[in-house]
Amino acid sequence: MARRKALDNSRMVRLGRDPRGRGVPTFAEGAERTIRLHREGWKAGSMLPDQWASTFRLHAAPLLDKPVDRSTSADVLGSLAPIWKSKPTAAAKARNRIAAVFWCVGRNYRPDNPVDRAVVALPRASGGATEHFAVPLSAGALDVLGRVRKLSGMSPFVFPSRAESGVPAEVAEACLAHVPNSRGVQAYQRSDLLERRAEVLRAWGDYLTQ
């Protein structure tokens, strides 16, 4: 009986639920659980746990004390709007990490992810890095994202990022036939990395067909 209870508790933790039965967690509690869930996949000594915690503390203040089932897209936008244009890199990280909390923990208490419901800001193709074009997601687009997200596991991204998959930057760029901008890099990087590119593409094919 005790062993079954322990297994049930372990399963609830993996699903982002509180085995102590404390009800719906706040976003702050969900953020702590999300970091714990991700920690298993991070390298020992990684700075990521501290970085994620700092992101939530600095850029998710309107969400922290709210139960995850009562957080809205307006709360998400309220968190991101102050830094969206002034700190686009930090804003993108905050958006992805906030989405991870609702995916890892919030999905057990609500049918949607308020980050998906928020306005998505994309870089304007013809402008600088700080120019953005707001694109509201349609119901159809949200439906597609919801179905594809099932393949993403614990990742906040629809597809795994290069950093998450452990693929070195030079190999990823070579897979896309990108030429390094630096002449110094071009001078020393003379291999076509064929074998390493083959490994990456095999792994990508396995991911798509799993």
N, C-alpha and C. Protein backbone atom coordinates (compact mmCIF):
# COMPACT_ATOMS: atom_id res chain seq x y z
N MET A 1 0.83 -1.20 0.00
CA MET A 1 0.00 0.00 0.00
C MET A 1 0.87 1.26 0.00
N ALA A 2 1.89 1.25 0.86
CA ALA A 2 2.78 2.41 0.95
C ALA A 2 3.53 2.61 -0.36
N ARG A 3 3.95 1.47 -0.97
CA ARG A 3 4.69 1.57 -2.22
C ARG A 3 3.80 2.14 -3.32
N ARG A 4 2.54 1.71 -3.37
CA ARG A 4 1.62 2.23 -4.38
C ARG A 4 1.39 3.72 -4.18
N LYS A 5 1.27 4.14 -2.90
CA LYS A 5 1.07 5.55 -2.61
C LYS A 5 2.28 6.36 -3.06
N ALA A 6 3.47 5.82 -2.82
CA ALA A 6 4.69 6.51 -3.23
C ALA A 6 4.76 6.65 -4.75
N LEU A 7 4.36 5.58 -5.47
CA LEU A 7 4.35 5.63 -6.93
C LEU A 7 3.33 6.64 -7.43
N ASP A 8 2.16 6.69 -6.79
CA ASP A 8 1.13 7.66 -7.17
C ASP A 8 1.63 9.08 -6.95
N ASN A 9 2.30 9.30 -5.81
CA ASN A 9 2.83 10.63 -5.51
C ASN A 9 3.88 11.04 -6.54
N SER A 10 4.74 10.07 -6.89
CA SER A 10 5.78 10.35 -7.87
C SER A 10 5.17 10.71 -9.22
N ARG A 11 4.13 10.00 -9.61
CA ARG A 11 3.46 10.28 -10.88
C ARG A 11 2.82 11.67 -10.85
N MET A 12 2.22 12.05 -9.73
CA MET A 12 1.60 13.36 -9.63
C MET A 12 2.63 14.48 -9.75
N VAL A 13 3.81 14.27 -9.16
CA VAL A 13 4.88 15.26 -9.25
C VAL A 13 5.33 15.42 -10.69
N ARG A 14 5.48 14.28 -11.43
CA ARG A 14 5.89 14.36 -12.82
C ARG A 14 4.86 15.09 -13.67
N LEU A 15 3.60 15.01 -13.27
CA LEU A 15 2.54 15.69 -14.01
C LEU A 15 2.37 17.14 -13.57
N GLY A 16 3.17 17.55 -12.57
CA GLY A 16 3.09 18.93 -12.12
C GLY A 16 2.05 19.15 -11.04
N ARG A 17 1.50 18.09 -10.48
CA ARG A 17 0.48 18.22 -9.45
C ARG A 17 1.11 18.11 -8.06
N ASP A 18 0.38 18.61 -7.05
CA ASP A 18 0.86 18.57 -5.68
C ASP A 18 0.27 17.35 -4.98
N PRO A 19 1.08 16.34 -4.64
CA PRO A 19 0.56 15.13 -4.00
C PRO A 19 0.01 15.39 -2.61
N ARG A 20 0.29 16.55 -2.04
CA ARG A 20 -0.22 16.87 -0.71
C ARG A 20 -1.64 17.42 -0.75
N GLY A 21 -2.18 17.55 -1.97
CA GLY A 21 -3.57 17.94 -2.10
C GLY A 21 -3.86 19.37 -1.70
N ARG A 22 -2.98 20.30 -2.04
CA ARG A 22 -3.17 21.69 -1.65
C ARG A 22 -4.00 22.48 -2.65
N GLY A 23 -4.59 21.81 -3.60
CA GLY A 23 -5.43 22.51 -4.57
C GLY A 23 -4.64 23.11 -5.70
N VAL A 24 -5.23 24.11 -6.36
CA VAL A 24 -4.61 24.72 -7.53
C VAL A 24 -3.40 25.55 -7.10
N PRO A 25 -2.23 25.29 -7.69
CA PRO A 25 -1.03 26.05 -7.31
C PRO A 25 -1.05 27.46 -7.89
N THR A 26 -0.34 28.36 -7.25
CA THR A 26 -0.14 29.68 -7.82
C THR A 26 0.90 29.56 -8.93
N PHE A 27 1.02 30.62 -9.72
CA PHE A 27 2.04 30.59 -10.77
C PHE A 27 3.43 30.44 -10.16
N ALA A 28 3.67 31.10 -9.03
CA ALA A 28 4.98 31.01 -8.38
C ALA A 28 5.29 29.57 -7.99
N GLU A 29 4.29 28.86 -7.45
CA GLU A 29 4.49 27.46 -7.09
C GLU A 29 4.69 26.61 -8.34
N GLY A 30 3.93 26.93 -9.39
CA GLY A 30 4.10 26.21 -10.64
C GLY A 30 5.47 26.43 -11.25
N ALA A 31 5.99 27.65 -11.10
CA ALA A 31 7.33 27.96 -11.62
C ALA A 31 8.39 27.12 -10.90
N GLU A 32 8.26 26.97 -9.59
CA GLU A 32 9.22 26.16 -8.83
C GLU A 32 9.17 24.70 -9.28
N ARG A 33 7.97 24.19 -9.51
CA ARG A 33 7.82 22.80 -9.96
C ARG A 33 8.39 22.63 -11.37
N THR A 34 8.17 23.62 -12.22
CA THR A 34 8.68 23.53 -13.59
C THR A 34 10.20 23.48 -13.60
N ILE A 35 10.82 24.29 -12.77
CA ILE A 35 12.28 24.28 -12.68
C ILE A 35 12.76 22.92 -12.18
N ARG A 36 12.06 22.35 -11.21
CA ARG A 36 12.46 21.02 -10.70
C ARG A 36 12.32 19.97 -11.80
N LEU A 37 11.25 20.04 -12.58
CA LEU A 37 11.04 19.07 -13.65
C LEU A 37 12.12 19.18 -14.73
N HIS A 38 12.50 20.41 -15.05
CA HIS A 38 13.53 20.62 -16.08
C HIS A 38 14.93 20.31 -15.58
N ARG A 39 15.14 20.43 -14.27
CA ARG A 39 16.48 20.28 -13.71
C ARG A 39 17.10 18.93 -14.06
N GLU A 40 16.25 17.90 -14.17
CA GLU A 40 16.76 16.56 -14.49
C GLU A 40 17.45 16.52 -15.85
N GLY A 41 17.03 17.37 -16.76
CA GLY A 41 17.62 17.36 -18.09
C GLY A 41 18.74 18.37 -18.27
N TRP A 42 18.99 19.19 -17.25
CA TRP A 42 20.06 20.16 -17.33
C TRP A 42 21.36 19.59 -16.79
N LYS A 43 22.47 20.05 -17.29
CA LYS A 43 23.77 19.57 -16.83
C LYS A 43 24.01 19.97 -15.38
N ALA A 44 24.76 19.14 -14.66
CA ALA A 44 25.11 19.44 -13.28
C ALA A 44 25.87 20.77 -13.22
N GLY A 45 25.49 21.61 -12.28
CA GLY A 45 26.15 22.90 -12.16
C GLY A 45 25.65 23.96 -13.12
N SER A 46 24.61 23.64 -13.89
CA SER A 46 24.08 24.60 -14.85
C SER A 46 23.51 25.83 -14.14
N MET A 47 23.65 26.98 -14.79
CA MET A 47 23.09 28.22 -14.26
C MET A 47 21.62 28.38 -14.61
N LEU A 48 21.09 27.47 -15.41
CA LEU A 48 19.71 27.62 -15.88
C LEU A 48 18.67 27.70 -14.75
N PRO A 49 18.76 26.88 -13.68
CA PRO A 49 17.76 27.01 -12.62
C PRO A 49 17.70 28.43 -12.05
N ASP A 50 18.87 29.03 -11.79
CA ASP A 50 18.91 30.39 -11.26
C ASP A 50 18.41 31.40 -12.29
N GLN A 51 18.75 31.17 -13.55
CA GLN A 51 18.31 32.08 -14.60
C GLN A 51 16.80 32.05 -14.77
N TRP A 52 16.22 30.84 -14.74
CA TRP A 52 14.77 30.72 -14.86
C TRP A 52 14.09 31.40 -13.67
N ALA A 53 14.60 31.15 -12.46
CA ALA A 53 14.01 31.75 -11.27
C ALA A 53 14.08 33.27 -11.35
N SER A 54 15.20 33.80 -11.84
CA SER A 54 15.36 35.24 -11.99
C SER A 54 14.36 35.80 -13.00
N THR A 55 14.15 35.08 -14.10
CA THR A 55 13.17 35.52 -15.11
C THR A 55 11.79 35.65 -14.49
N PHE A 56 11.37 34.65 -13.73
CA PHE A 56 10.04 34.70 -13.13
C PHE A 56 9.93 35.84 -12.11
N ARG A 57 10.99 36.03 -11.35
CA ARG A 57 10.98 37.08 -10.32
C ARG A 57 10.93 38.47 -10.94
N LEU A 58 11.68 38.67 -12.03
CA LEU A 58 11.78 39.99 -12.63
C LEU A 58 10.70 40.30 -13.65
N HIS A 59 10.25 39.27 -14.38
CA HIS A 59 9.38 39.52 -15.53
C HIS A 59 8.04 38.78 -15.49
N ALA A 60 7.66 38.26 -14.35
CA ALA A 60 6.35 37.60 -14.27
C ALA A 60 5.60 38.04 -13.01
N ALA A 61 5.89 39.25 -12.53
CA ALA A 61 5.29 39.73 -11.28
C ALA A 61 3.76 39.69 -11.27
N PRO A 62 3.07 40.11 -12.35
CA PRO A 62 1.60 40.09 -12.32
C PRO A 62 1.02 38.69 -12.20
N LEU A 63 1.83 37.67 -12.46
CA LEU A 63 1.34 36.29 -12.46
C LEU A 63 1.60 35.55 -11.14
N LEU A 64 2.64 35.94 -10.43
CA LEU A 64 3.19 35.12 -9.36
C LEU A 64 2.17 34.63 -8.33
N ASP A 65 1.32 35.52 -7.85
CA ASP A 65 0.40 35.15 -6.77
C ASP A 65 -0.93 34.61 -7.25
N LYS A 66 -1.13 34.55 -8.57
CA LYS A 66 -2.41 34.08 -9.09
C LYS A 66 -2.41 32.57 -9.26
N PRO A 67 -3.52 31.89 -8.91
CA PRO A 67 -3.62 30.46 -9.22
C PRO A 67 -3.51 30.27 -10.73
N VAL A 68 -2.88 29.19 -11.18
CA VAL A 68 -2.65 29.02 -12.61
C VAL A 68 -3.95 28.91 -13.41
N ASP A 69 -5.04 28.51 -12.77
CA ASP A 69 -6.29 28.40 -13.51
C ASP A 69 -7.02 29.73 -13.65
N ARG A 70 -6.51 30.77 -12.99
CA ARG A 70 -7.15 32.08 -13.05
C ARG A 70 -6.27 33.11 -13.76
N SER A 71 -5.11 32.71 -14.20
CA SER A 71 -4.22 33.62 -14.94
C SER A 71 -4.77 33.81 -16.34
N THR A 72 -4.66 35.02 -16.85
CA THR A 72 -5.22 35.34 -18.17
C THR A 72 -4.12 35.81 -19.13
N SER A 73 -4.48 35.89 -20.41
CA SER A 73 -3.53 36.40 -21.39
C SER A 73 -3.18 37.85 -21.10
N ALA A 74 -4.12 38.58 -20.47
CA ALA A 74 -3.84 39.96 -20.10
C ALA A 74 -2.73 40.02 -19.05
N ASP A 75 -2.73 39.06 -18.13
CA ASP A 75 -1.66 38.99 -17.13
C ASP A 75 -0.32 38.71 -17.79
N VAL A 76 -0.34 37.84 -18.80
CA VAL A 76 0.90 37.51 -19.52
C VAL A 76 1.42 38.75 -20.24
N LEU A 77 0.53 39.46 -20.93
CA LEU A 77 0.94 40.66 -21.64
C LEU A 77 1.42 41.73 -20.68
N GLY A 78 0.77 41.79 -19.50
CA GLY A 78 1.20 42.75 -18.49
C GLY A 78 2.61 42.47 -18.00
N SER A 79 3.00 41.21 -18.04
CA SER A 79 4.35 40.82 -17.63
C SER A 79 5.37 41.17 -18.71
N LEU A 80 4.99 40.96 -19.97
CA LEU A 80 5.94 41.10 -21.06
C LEU A 80 6.01 42.49 -21.67
N ALA A 81 4.90 43.22 -21.63
CA ALA A 81 4.85 44.52 -22.30
C ALA A 81 5.96 45.48 -21.88
N PRO A 82 6.29 45.57 -20.58
CA PRO A 82 7.32 46.55 -20.16
C PRO A 82 8.69 46.31 -20.78
N ILE A 83 8.97 45.07 -21.21
CA ILE A 83 10.31 44.78 -21.74
C ILE A 83 10.30 44.34 -23.20
N TRP A 84 9.11 44.32 -23.81
CA TRP A 84 9.02 43.71 -25.14
C TRP A 84 9.88 44.42 -26.18
N LYS A 85 9.90 45.74 -26.16
CA LYS A 85 10.68 46.50 -27.14
C LYS A 85 12.06 46.86 -26.60
N SER A 86 12.13 47.15 -25.31
CA SER A 86 13.41 47.59 -24.76
C SER A 86 14.38 46.43 -24.53
N LYS A 87 13.86 45.24 -24.25
CA LYS A 87 14.70 44.07 -23.99
C LYS A 87 14.13 42.86 -24.73
N PRO A 88 14.17 42.85 -26.05
CA PRO A 88 13.51 41.79 -26.82
C PRO A 88 14.03 40.38 -26.51
N THR A 89 15.32 40.25 -26.25
CA THR A 89 15.87 38.92 -25.95
C THR A 89 15.34 38.41 -24.62
N ALA A 90 15.36 39.28 -23.61
CA ALA A 90 14.84 38.90 -22.30
C ALA A 90 13.34 38.62 -22.37
N ALA A 91 12.62 39.41 -23.18
CA ALA A 91 11.18 39.22 -23.33
C ALA A 91 10.87 37.87 -23.97
N ALA A 92 11.65 37.49 -24.97
CA ALA A 92 11.42 36.20 -25.64
C ALA A 92 11.67 35.05 -24.67
N LYS A 93 12.73 35.15 -23.87
CA LYS A 93 13.01 34.11 -22.89
C LYS A 93 11.89 34.04 -21.85
N ALA A 94 11.43 35.21 -21.40
CA ALA A 94 10.37 35.24 -20.40
C ALA A 94 9.09 34.61 -20.95
N ARG A 95 8.76 34.94 -22.20
CA ARG A 95 7.56 34.37 -22.81
C ARG A 95 7.64 32.85 -22.87
N ASN A 96 8.78 32.33 -23.30
CA ASN A 96 8.94 30.88 -23.42
C ASN A 96 8.91 30.19 -22.06
N ARG A 97 9.52 30.81 -21.06
CA ARG A 97 9.58 30.20 -19.73
C ARG A 97 8.22 30.27 -19.03
N ILE A 98 7.50 31.36 -19.24
CA ILE A 98 6.14 31.45 -18.69
C ILE A 98 5.26 30.39 -19.35
N ALA A 99 5.40 30.23 -20.66
CA ALA A 99 4.63 29.20 -21.37
C ALA A 99 4.95 27.82 -20.82
N ALA A 100 6.21 27.59 -20.46
CA ALA A 100 6.61 26.29 -19.93
C ALA A 100 5.89 25.96 -18.63
N VAL A 101 5.67 26.98 -17.80
CA VAL A 101 4.96 26.75 -16.53
C VAL A 101 3.53 26.31 -16.80
N PHE A 102 2.86 26.99 -17.72
CA PHE A 102 1.48 26.63 -18.02
C PHE A 102 1.40 25.29 -18.74
N TRP A 103 2.45 24.93 -19.47
CA TRP A 103 2.45 23.64 -20.14
C TRP A 103 2.76 22.51 -19.16
N CYS A 104 3.75 22.69 -18.31
CA CYS A 104 4.17 21.63 -17.39
C CYS A 104 3.20 21.45 -16.22
N VAL A 105 2.68 22.56 -15.71
CA VAL A 105 1.85 22.51 -14.50
C VAL A 105 0.42 22.95 -14.76
N GLY A 106 0.27 24.09 -15.44
CA GLY A 106 -1.06 24.65 -15.63
C GLY A 106 -2.00 23.77 -16.43
N ARG A 107 -1.46 22.92 -17.32
CA ARG A 107 -2.32 22.09 -18.17
C ARG A 107 -3.16 21.11 -17.36
N ASN A 108 -2.76 20.86 -16.11
CA ASN A 108 -3.53 19.97 -15.25
C ASN A 108 -4.74 20.65 -14.63
N TYR A 109 -4.81 21.99 -14.79
CA TYR A 109 -5.88 22.74 -14.12
C TYR A 109 -6.68 23.62 -15.07
N ARG A 110 -6.28 23.67 -16.35
CA ARG A 110 -6.99 24.51 -17.30
C ARG A 110 -6.85 23.91 -18.71
N PRO A 111 -7.80 24.20 -19.61
CA PRO A 111 -7.76 23.60 -20.95
C PRO A 111 -6.88 24.33 -21.95
N ASP A 112 -6.39 25.54 -21.59
CA ASP A 112 -5.63 26.32 -22.55
C ASP A 112 -4.35 26.86 -21.91
N ASN A 113 -3.53 27.46 -22.73
CA ASN A 113 -2.32 28.13 -22.26
C ASN A 113 -2.49 29.61 -22.55
N PRO A 114 -2.56 30.47 -21.53
CA PRO A 114 -2.81 31.90 -21.78
C PRO A 114 -1.71 32.58 -22.59
N VAL A 115 -0.53 31.97 -22.64
CA VAL A 115 0.52 32.53 -23.47
C VAL A 115 0.16 32.37 -24.94
N ASP A 116 -0.44 31.22 -25.29
CA ASP A 116 -0.88 31.00 -26.66
C ASP A 116 -1.99 31.97 -27.04
N ARG A 117 -2.81 32.33 -26.05
CA ARG A 117 -3.93 33.23 -26.30
C ARG A 117 -3.49 34.68 -26.38
N ALA A 118 -2.29 34.96 -25.89
CA ALA A 118 -1.79 36.33 -25.93
C ALA A 118 -1.39 36.70 -27.35
N VAL A 119 -1.19 37.97 -27.58
CA VAL A 119 -0.74 38.44 -28.88
C VAL A 119 0.71 38.02 -29.07
N VAL A 120 1.00 37.43 -30.22
CA VAL A 120 2.36 37.02 -30.53
C VAL A 120 3.04 38.16 -31.27
N ALA A 121 4.21 38.56 -30.79
CA ALA A 121 4.96 39.64 -31.44
C ALA A 121 6.11 39.05 -32.21
N LEU A 122 6.16 39.32 -33.50
CA LEU A 122 7.21 38.80 -34.37
C LEU A 122 8.05 39.94 -34.91
N PRO A 123 9.36 39.69 -35.12
CA PRO A 123 10.21 40.75 -35.69
C PRO A 123 9.71 41.14 -37.07
N ARG A 124 9.71 42.42 -37.36
CA ARG A 124 9.32 42.90 -38.68
C ARG A 124 10.45 42.60 -39.66
N ALA A 125 10.15 41.88 -40.73
CA ALA A 125 11.20 41.43 -41.65
C ALA A 125 12.02 42.57 -42.23
N SER A 126 11.38 43.73 -42.47
CA SER A 126 12.08 44.83 -43.13
C SER A 126 12.67 45.83 -42.16
N GLY A 127 12.47 45.58 -40.85
CA GLY A 127 12.93 46.57 -39.89
C GLY A 127 14.07 46.06 -39.04
N GLY A 128 14.42 46.84 -38.02
CA GLY A 128 15.50 46.46 -37.12
C GLY A 128 15.04 45.45 -36.10
N ALA A 129 15.97 45.06 -35.22
CA ALA A 129 15.68 44.01 -34.24
C ALA A 129 14.65 44.44 -33.22
N THR A 130 14.51 45.77 -33.02
CA THR A 130 13.58 46.24 -31.99
C THR A 130 12.20 46.56 -32.56
N GLU A 131 12.00 46.42 -33.86
CA GLU A 131 10.69 46.64 -34.46
C GLU A 131 9.89 45.35 -34.42
N HIS A 132 8.60 45.44 -34.07
CA HIS A 132 7.79 44.25 -33.93
C HIS A 132 6.44 44.44 -34.61
N PHE A 133 5.91 43.35 -35.06
CA PHE A 133 4.61 43.35 -35.71
C PHE A 133 3.70 42.38 -34.95
N ALA A 134 2.59 42.86 -34.43
CA ALA A 134 1.70 42.04 -33.60
C ALA A 134 0.79 41.21 -34.48
N VAL A 135 0.75 39.91 -34.21
CA VAL A 135 -0.08 38.97 -34.97
C VAL A 135 -0.97 38.19 -34.00
N PRO A 136 -2.28 38.47 -33.97
CA PRO A 136 -3.17 37.69 -33.11
C PRO A 136 -3.39 36.30 -33.71
N LEU A 137 -3.32 35.27 -32.88
CA LEU A 137 -3.50 33.90 -33.38
C LEU A 137 -4.98 33.58 -33.53
N SER A 138 -5.34 33.00 -34.67
CA SER A 138 -6.72 32.60 -34.90
C SER A 138 -7.02 31.31 -34.14
N ALA A 139 -8.31 30.98 -34.04
CA ALA A 139 -8.71 29.75 -33.37
C ALA A 139 -8.10 28.53 -34.06
N GLY A 140 -8.05 28.57 -35.40
CA GLY A 140 -7.47 27.47 -36.15
C GLY A 140 -5.99 27.30 -35.87
N ALA A 141 -5.25 28.42 -35.81
CA ALA A 141 -3.82 28.36 -35.52
C ALA A 141 -3.58 27.81 -34.12
N LEU A 142 -4.40 28.24 -33.17
CA LEU A 142 -4.25 27.75 -31.80
C LEU A 142 -4.54 26.25 -31.72
N ASP A 143 -5.50 25.79 -32.53
CA ASP A 143 -5.82 24.37 -32.54
C ASP A 143 -4.63 23.56 -33.06
N VAL A 144 -4.02 24.06 -34.14
CA VAL A 144 -2.85 23.37 -34.70
C VAL A 144 -1.71 23.34 -33.69
N LEU A 145 -1.44 24.48 -33.05
CA LEU A 145 -0.37 24.54 -32.05
C LEU A 145 -0.65 23.59 -30.89
N GLY A 146 -1.91 23.52 -30.48
CA GLY A 146 -2.26 22.64 -29.38
C GLY A 146 -1.99 21.17 -29.70
N ARG A 147 -2.29 20.78 -30.96
CA ARG A 147 -2.04 19.39 -31.35
C ARG A 147 -0.56 19.10 -31.53
N VAL A 148 0.16 20.05 -32.12
CA VAL A 148 1.59 19.84 -32.33
C VAL A 148 2.35 19.85 -31.01
N ARG A 149 1.88 20.64 -30.04
CA ARG A 149 2.57 20.76 -28.76
C ARG A 149 2.67 19.41 -28.05
N LYS A 150 1.75 18.49 -28.34
CA LYS A 150 1.80 17.18 -27.70
C LYS A 150 3.10 16.44 -28.03
N LEU A 151 3.74 16.82 -29.12
CA LEU A 151 4.98 16.17 -29.52
C LEU A 151 6.20 16.80 -28.86
N SER A 152 6.00 17.93 -28.18
CA SER A 152 7.15 18.68 -27.69
C SER A 152 7.61 18.28 -26.31
N GLY A 153 6.94 17.31 -25.69
CA GLY A 153 7.36 16.84 -24.37
C GLY A 153 7.31 17.95 -23.35
N MET A 154 8.43 18.11 -22.60
CA MET A 154 8.47 19.13 -21.56
C MET A 154 8.98 20.48 -22.09
N SER A 155 9.29 20.56 -23.36
CA SER A 155 9.85 21.78 -23.92
C SER A 155 8.77 22.84 -24.09
N PRO A 156 9.11 24.13 -23.84
CA PRO A 156 8.15 25.20 -24.09
C PRO A 156 8.02 25.54 -25.56
N PHE A 157 8.88 24.94 -26.42
CA PHE A 157 8.86 25.22 -27.84
C PHE A 157 8.09 24.15 -28.59
N VAL A 158 7.53 24.52 -29.74
CA VAL A 158 6.86 23.55 -30.59
C VAL A 158 7.86 22.52 -31.09
N PHE A 159 9.02 23.03 -31.52
CA PHE A 159 10.12 22.15 -31.92
C PHE A 159 11.30 22.41 -31.00
N PRO A 160 12.12 21.41 -30.73
CA PRO A 160 13.24 21.61 -29.82
C PRO A 160 14.24 22.61 -30.38
N SER A 161 14.79 23.44 -29.49
CA SER A 161 15.80 24.39 -29.92
C SER A 161 17.14 23.69 -30.07
N ARG A 162 18.06 24.36 -30.75
CA ARG A 162 19.39 23.79 -30.91
C ARG A 162 20.04 23.54 -29.55
N ALA A 163 19.88 24.50 -28.62
CA ALA A 163 20.50 24.36 -27.30
C ALA A 163 19.93 23.15 -26.55
N GLU A 164 18.60 22.96 -26.66
CA GLU A 164 17.97 21.83 -25.98
C GLU A 164 18.44 20.50 -26.53
N SER A 165 18.65 20.44 -27.83
CA SER A 165 19.02 19.17 -28.46
C SER A 165 20.50 18.88 -28.36
N GLY A 166 21.29 19.87 -27.92
CA GLY A 166 22.72 19.66 -27.76
C GLY A 166 23.52 19.71 -29.05
N VAL A 167 22.93 20.22 -30.12
CA VAL A 167 23.63 20.31 -31.41
C VAL A 167 24.53 21.54 -31.41
N PRO A 168 25.83 21.39 -31.66
CA PRO A 168 26.72 22.55 -31.71
C PRO A 168 26.27 23.55 -32.77
N ALA A 169 26.49 24.82 -32.53
CA ALA A 169 26.03 25.87 -33.44
C ALA A 169 26.60 25.69 -34.85
N GLU A 170 27.89 25.32 -34.93
CA GLU A 170 28.50 25.22 -36.26
C GLU A 170 27.90 24.07 -37.07
N VAL A 171 27.46 23.00 -36.37
CA VAL A 171 26.85 21.88 -37.07
C VAL A 171 25.45 22.26 -37.54
N ALA A 172 24.70 22.93 -36.67
CA ALA A 172 23.35 23.36 -37.04
C ALA A 172 23.41 24.30 -38.25
N GLU A 173 24.36 25.23 -38.23
CA GLU A 173 24.49 26.16 -39.36
C GLU A 173 24.87 25.44 -40.63
N ALA A 174 25.75 24.43 -40.50
CA ALA A 174 26.18 23.67 -41.68
C ALA A 174 25.01 22.89 -42.28
N CYS A 175 24.12 22.39 -41.42
CA CYS A 175 22.94 21.66 -41.91
C CYS A 175 22.06 22.55 -42.78
N LEU A 176 22.11 23.85 -42.50
CA LEU A 176 21.29 24.81 -43.26
C LEU A 176 22.08 25.46 -44.39
N ALA A 177 23.32 24.98 -44.59
CA ALA A 177 24.20 25.53 -45.64
C ALA A 177 24.51 27.00 -45.41
N HIS A 178 24.52 27.42 -44.13
CA HIS A 178 24.87 28.79 -43.81
C HIS A 178 26.39 28.96 -43.78
N VAL A 179 26.86 30.03 -44.33
CA VAL A 179 28.29 30.34 -44.33
C VAL A 179 28.59 31.30 -43.19
N PRO A 180 29.57 31.01 -42.32
CA PRO A 180 29.89 31.91 -41.21
C PRO A 180 30.22 33.31 -41.71
N ASN A 181 29.75 34.32 -40.99
CA ASN A 181 30.02 35.70 -41.38
C ASN A 181 31.48 36.07 -41.13
N SER A 182 32.06 35.47 -40.10
CA SER A 182 33.43 35.80 -39.73
C SER A 182 34.44 35.14 -40.68
N ARG A 183 35.33 35.95 -41.24
CA ARG A 183 36.36 35.39 -42.11
C ARG A 183 37.33 34.52 -41.33
N GLY A 184 37.52 34.86 -40.05
CA GLY A 184 38.39 34.05 -39.21
C GLY A 184 37.83 32.65 -39.03
N VAL A 185 36.52 32.57 -38.79
CA VAL A 185 35.88 31.26 -38.65
C VAL A 185 35.95 30.51 -39.97
N GLN A 186 35.72 31.20 -41.08
CA GLN A 186 35.79 30.55 -42.39
C GLN A 186 37.17 29.97 -42.65
N ALA A 187 38.21 30.68 -42.18
CA ALA A 187 39.58 30.24 -42.43
C ALA A 187 39.91 28.94 -41.70
N TYR A 188 39.36 28.79 -40.49
CA TYR A 188 39.69 27.62 -39.69
C TYR A 188 38.69 26.48 -39.85
N GLN A 189 37.47 26.81 -40.24
CA GLN A 189 36.43 25.79 -40.37
C GLN A 189 36.39 25.31 -41.82
N ARG A 190 37.23 24.35 -42.15
CA ARG A 190 37.34 23.89 -43.53
C ARG A 190 36.62 22.57 -43.77
N SER A 191 36.20 21.89 -42.71
CA SER A 191 35.49 20.63 -42.87
C SER A 191 34.04 20.89 -43.25
N ASP A 192 33.45 19.99 -44.03
CA ASP A 192 32.03 20.12 -44.36
C ASP A 192 31.15 19.46 -43.31
N LEU A 193 31.77 18.87 -42.27
CA LEU A 193 31.04 18.27 -41.14
C LEU A 193 29.99 17.26 -41.61
N LEU A 194 30.28 16.55 -42.67
CA LEU A 194 29.29 15.66 -43.28
C LEU A 194 28.77 14.61 -42.30
N GLU A 195 29.68 13.93 -41.60
CA GLU A 195 29.24 12.86 -40.70
C GLU A 195 28.40 13.41 -39.55
N ARG A 196 28.82 14.54 -39.00
CA ARG A 196 28.07 15.12 -37.89
C ARG A 196 26.72 15.65 -38.36
N ARG A 197 26.67 16.18 -39.59
CA ARG A 197 25.38 16.62 -40.13
C ARG A 197 24.46 15.43 -40.34
N ALA A 198 25.03 14.30 -40.75
CA ALA A 198 24.22 13.10 -40.97
C ALA A 198 23.59 12.64 -39.65
N GLU A 199 24.36 12.72 -38.56
CA GLU A 199 23.83 12.33 -37.25
C GLU A 199 22.67 13.22 -36.83
N VAL A 200 22.83 14.53 -37.05
CA VAL A 200 21.78 15.48 -36.68
C VAL A 200 20.51 15.23 -37.50
N LEU A 201 20.67 15.01 -38.79
CA LEU A 201 19.50 14.81 -39.64
C LEU A 201 18.80 13.48 -39.35
N ARG A 202 19.60 12.46 -38.97
CA ARG A 202 18.97 11.20 -38.55
C ARG A 202 18.14 11.41 -37.28
N ALA A 203 18.71 12.14 -36.33
CA ALA A 203 17.99 12.41 -35.08
C ALA A 203 16.73 13.24 -35.34
N TRP A 204 16.83 14.21 -36.27
CA TRP A 204 15.68 15.03 -36.61
C TRP A 204 14.58 14.18 -37.27
N GLY A 205 14.99 13.28 -38.14
CA GLY A 205 14.01 12.39 -38.77
C GLY A 205 13.32 11.49 -37.75
N ASP A 206 14.10 10.98 -36.79
CA ASP A 206 13.52 10.16 -35.73
C ASP A 206 12.52 10.95 -34.91
N TYR A 207 12.85 12.21 -34.62
CA TYR A 207 11.95 13.08 -33.84
C TYR A 207 10.62 13.30 -34.57
N LEU A 208 10.71 13.55 -35.86
CA LEU A 208 9.51 13.84 -36.64
C LEU A 208 8.61 12.63 -36.82
N THR A 209 9.18 11.44 -36.78
CA THR A 209 8.40 10.22 -37.04
C THR A 209 8.09 9.43 -35.77
N GLN A 210 8.46 9.99 -34.61
CA GLN A 210 8.21 9.24 -33.37
C GLN A 210 6.72 9.18 -33.05
